[in-house]
Amino acid sequence: MDDRLREMAETRYRQKEFLAALFDLALEEQWFDLRHMVQHDMAKAIISDYSEEIGKGYLDTDVYYNNWEEVVKVGWQVFCEHTGLPIEKVAIKLKYLSEAH
């Protein structure tokens, strides 16, 4: 992942209000909504802004698909740092969601 994109991802995912919303969802065991916010809402916003910044226009498909997984990984790392949840527990919750749907 490009250093600028990593910086954007870390900055965005560390926003106090965003982390507070994620924490509340985790406390309420709302893992579907939590996953959606981390993996879709915020990741798409970050990549879209990055795509614009590098002159590729709004949410370039190649930029999106080449970076989505790494951006999401940053999101989960920041979430785990903030909540103290081990990444393994998050992975189990996400796997359960994937299997349930």
C-alpha atoms as a PDB file:
ATOM      1  CA  MET A   1       0.000   0.000   0.000  1.00  0.00           C
ATOM      2  CA  ASP A   2       1.191   3.480  -0.849  1.00  0.00           C
ATOM      3  CA  ASP A   3       2.462   5.477   2.156  1.00  0.00           C
ATOM      4  CA  ARG A   4      -0.011   8.304   1.495  1.00  0.00           C
ATOM      5  CA  LEU A   5      -2.949   5.893   1.409  1.00  0.00           C
ATOM      6  CA  ARG A   6      -1.783   4.245   4.638  1.00  0.00           C
ATOM      7  CA  GLU A   7      -1.532   7.674   6.274  1.00  0.00           C
ATOM      8  CA  MET A   8      -5.045   8.566   5.108  1.00  0.00           C
ATOM      9  CA  ALA A   9      -6.429   5.254   6.377  1.00  0.00           C
ATOM     10  CA  GLU A  10      -4.802   5.538   9.777  1.00  0.00           C
ATOM     11  CA  THR A  11      -5.935   9.133  10.198  1.00  0.00           C
ATOM     12  CA  ARG A  12      -9.522   8.434   9.183  1.00  0.00           C
ATOM     13  CA  TYR A  13      -9.933   5.251  11.181  1.00  0.00           C
ATOM     14  CA  ARG A  14      -8.521   7.001  14.262  1.00  0.00           C
ATOM     15  CA  GLN A  15     -11.128   9.766  14.246  1.00  0.00           C
ATOM     16  CA  LYS A  16     -12.496  10.009  17.770  1.00  0.00           C
ATOM     17  CA  GLU A  17     -16.151  10.042  16.737  1.00  0.00           C
ATOM     18  CA  PHE A  18     -15.740   7.102  14.385  1.00  0.00           C
ATOM     19  CA  LEU A  19     -13.978   5.019  17.033  1.00  0.00           C
ATOM     20  CA  ALA A  20     -16.683   5.889  19.563  1.00  0.00           C
ATOM     21  CA  ALA A  21     -19.374   4.669  17.162  1.00  0.00           C
ATOM     22  CA  LEU A  22     -17.450   1.448  16.521  1.00  0.00           C
ATOM     23  CA  PHE A  23     -16.927   0.888  20.229  1.00  0.00           C
ATOM     24  CA  ASP A  24     -20.658   1.298  20.892  1.00  0.00           C
ATOM     25  CA  LEU A  25     -21.489  -1.211  18.173  1.00  0.00           C
ATOM     26  CA  ALA A  26     -18.994  -3.683  19.616  1.00  0.00           C
ATOM     27  CA  LEU A  27     -20.492  -3.312  23.096  1.00  0.00           C
ATOM     28  CA  GLU A  28     -23.928  -4.001  21.661  1.00  0.00           C
ATOM     29  CA  GLU A  29     -22.582  -7.010  19.704  1.00  0.00           C
ATOM     30  CA  GLN A  30     -23.712  -5.385  16.445  1.00  0.00           C
ATOM     31  CA  TRP A  31     -20.997  -7.034  14.384  1.00  0.00           C
ATOM     32  CA  PHE A  32     -22.831  -6.791  11.055  1.00  0.00           C
ATOM     33  CA  ASP A  33     -23.080  -2.991  11.371  1.00  0.00           C
ATOM     34  CA  LEU A  34     -19.556  -2.757  12.726  1.00  0.00           C
ATOM     35  CA  ARG A  35     -18.186  -4.722   9.797  1.00  0.00           C
ATOM     36  CA  HIS A  36     -20.141  -2.592   7.359  1.00  0.00           C
ATOM     37  CA  MET A  37     -18.746   0.649   8.804  1.00  0.00           C
ATOM     38  CA  VAL A  38     -15.130  -0.561   8.775  1.00  0.00           C
ATOM     39  CA  GLN A  39     -15.092  -2.547   5.560  1.00  0.00           C
ATOM     40  CA  HIS A  40     -17.486  -0.572   3.415  1.00  0.00           C
ATOM     41  CA  ASP A  41     -18.394   2.920   4.586  1.00  0.00           C
ATOM     42  CA  MET A  42     -15.005   4.126   5.757  1.00  0.00           C
ATOM     43  CA  ALA A  43     -12.859   2.066   3.392  1.00  0.00           C
ATOM     44  CA  LYS A  44     -14.803   3.320   0.390  1.00  0.00           C
ATOM     45  CA  ALA A  45     -14.552   6.938   1.590  1.00  0.00           C
ATOM     46  CA  ILE A  46     -10.798   6.668   2.160  1.00  0.00           C
ATOM     47  CA  ILE A  47     -10.098   5.031  -1.183  1.00  0.00           C
ATOM     48  CA  SER A  48     -12.378   7.460  -2.977  1.00  0.00           C
ATOM     49  CA  ASP A  49     -10.517  10.453  -1.538  1.00  0.00           C
ATOM     50  CA  TYR A  50      -7.180   8.840  -2.352  1.00  0.00           C
ATOM     51  CA  SER A  51      -8.310   8.092  -5.896  1.00  0.00           C
ATOM     52  CA  GLU A  52      -9.283  11.737  -6.367  1.00  0.00           C
ATOM     53  CA  GLU A  53      -6.020  12.929  -4.821  1.00  0.00           C
ATOM     54  CA  ILE A  54      -3.886  10.919  -7.245  1.00  0.00           C
ATOM     55  CA  GLY A  55      -5.892  12.151 -10.221  1.00  0.00           C
ATOM     56  CA  LYS A  56      -7.810   8.975 -11.009  1.00  0.00           C
ATOM     57  CA  GLY A  57     -11.247  10.473 -10.372  1.00  0.00           C
ATOM     58  CA  TYR A  58     -13.885   9.418  -7.890  1.00  0.00           C
ATOM     59  CA  LEU A  59     -13.383   5.827  -6.727  1.00  0.00           C
ATOM     60  CA  ASP A  60     -11.358   4.412  -9.588  1.00  0.00           C
ATOM     61  CA  THR A  61     -12.092   0.692  -9.860  1.00  0.00           C
ATOM     62  CA  ASP A  62      -8.445  -0.365 -10.090  1.00  0.00           C
ATOM     63  CA  VAL A  63      -7.451   1.816  -7.134  1.00  0.00           C
ATOM     64  CA  TYR A  64     -10.343   0.375  -5.132  1.00  0.00           C
ATOM     65  CA  TYR A  65      -9.705  -3.309  -5.852  1.00  0.00           C
ATOM     66  CA  ASN A  66      -5.930  -3.001  -5.517  1.00  0.00           C
ATOM     67  CA  ASN A  67      -6.138  -1.369  -2.072  1.00  0.00           C
ATOM     68  CA  TRP A  68      -9.391  -2.345  -0.394  1.00  0.00           C
ATOM     69  CA  GLU A  69      -8.055  -5.287   1.621  1.00  0.00           C
ATOM     70  CA  GLU A  70      -5.073  -3.350   2.970  1.00  0.00           C
ATOM     71  CA  VAL A  71      -7.204  -0.339   3.915  1.00  0.00           C
ATOM     72  CA  VAL A  72      -9.659  -2.596   5.742  1.00  0.00           C
ATOM     73  CA  LYS A  73      -6.763  -4.294   7.533  1.00  0.00           C
ATOM     74  CA  VAL A  74      -5.659  -0.888   8.851  1.00  0.00           C
ATOM     75  CA  GLY A  75      -9.213  -0.286  10.028  1.00  0.00           C
ATOM     76  CA  TRP A  76      -9.369  -3.492  12.029  1.00  0.00           C
ATOM     77  CA  GLN A  77      -5.908  -2.893  13.494  1.00  0.00           C
ATOM     78  CA  VAL A  78      -6.947   0.558  14.691  1.00  0.00           C
ATOM     79  CA  PHE A  79     -10.213  -0.847  16.068  1.00  0.00           C
ATOM     80  CA  CYS A  80      -8.346  -3.536  18.003  1.00  0.00           C
ATOM     81  CA  GLU A  81      -5.858  -1.032  19.399  1.00  0.00           C
ATOM     82  CA  HIS A  82      -8.719   1.208  20.524  1.00  0.00           C
ATOM     83  CA  THR A  83     -10.877  -1.494  22.104  1.00  0.00           C
ATOM     84  CA  GLY A  84      -8.193  -3.852  23.347  1.00  0.00           C
ATOM     85  CA  LEU A  85      -9.889  -6.761  21.559  1.00  0.00           C
ATOM     86  CA  PRO A  86      -7.421  -9.211  20.078  1.00  0.00           C
ATOM     87  CA  ILE A  87      -7.507  -9.399  16.279  1.00  0.00           C
ATOM     88  CA  GLU A  88      -8.134 -13.142  16.598  1.00  0.00           C
ATOM     89  CA  LYS A  89     -11.448 -12.525  18.397  1.00  0.00           C
ATOM     90  CA  VAL A  90     -12.475 -10.032  15.719  1.00  0.00           C
ATOM     91  CA  ALA A  91     -11.560 -12.555  13.011  1.00  0.00           C
ATOM     92  CA  ILE A  92     -13.759 -15.183  14.680  1.00  0.00           C
ATOM     93  CA  LYS A  93     -16.714 -12.776  14.846  1.00  0.00           C
ATOM     94  CA  LEU A  94     -16.258 -11.805  11.193  1.00  0.00           C
ATOM     95  CA  LYS A  95     -15.943 -15.437  10.101  1.00  0.00           C
ATOM     96  CA  TYR A  96     -19.140 -16.280  11.953  1.00  0.00           C
ATOM     97  CA  LEU A  97     -20.915 -13.423  10.167  1.00  0.00           C
ATOM     98  CA  SER A  98     -19.677 -14.614   6.794  1.00  0.00           C
ATOM     99  CA  GLU A  99     -20.835 -18.161   7.442  1.00  0.00           C
ATOM    100  CA  ALA A 100     -24.219 -17.024   8.774  1.00  0.00           C
ATOM    101  CA  HIS A 101     -25.026 -14.988   5.683  1.00  0.00           C
END
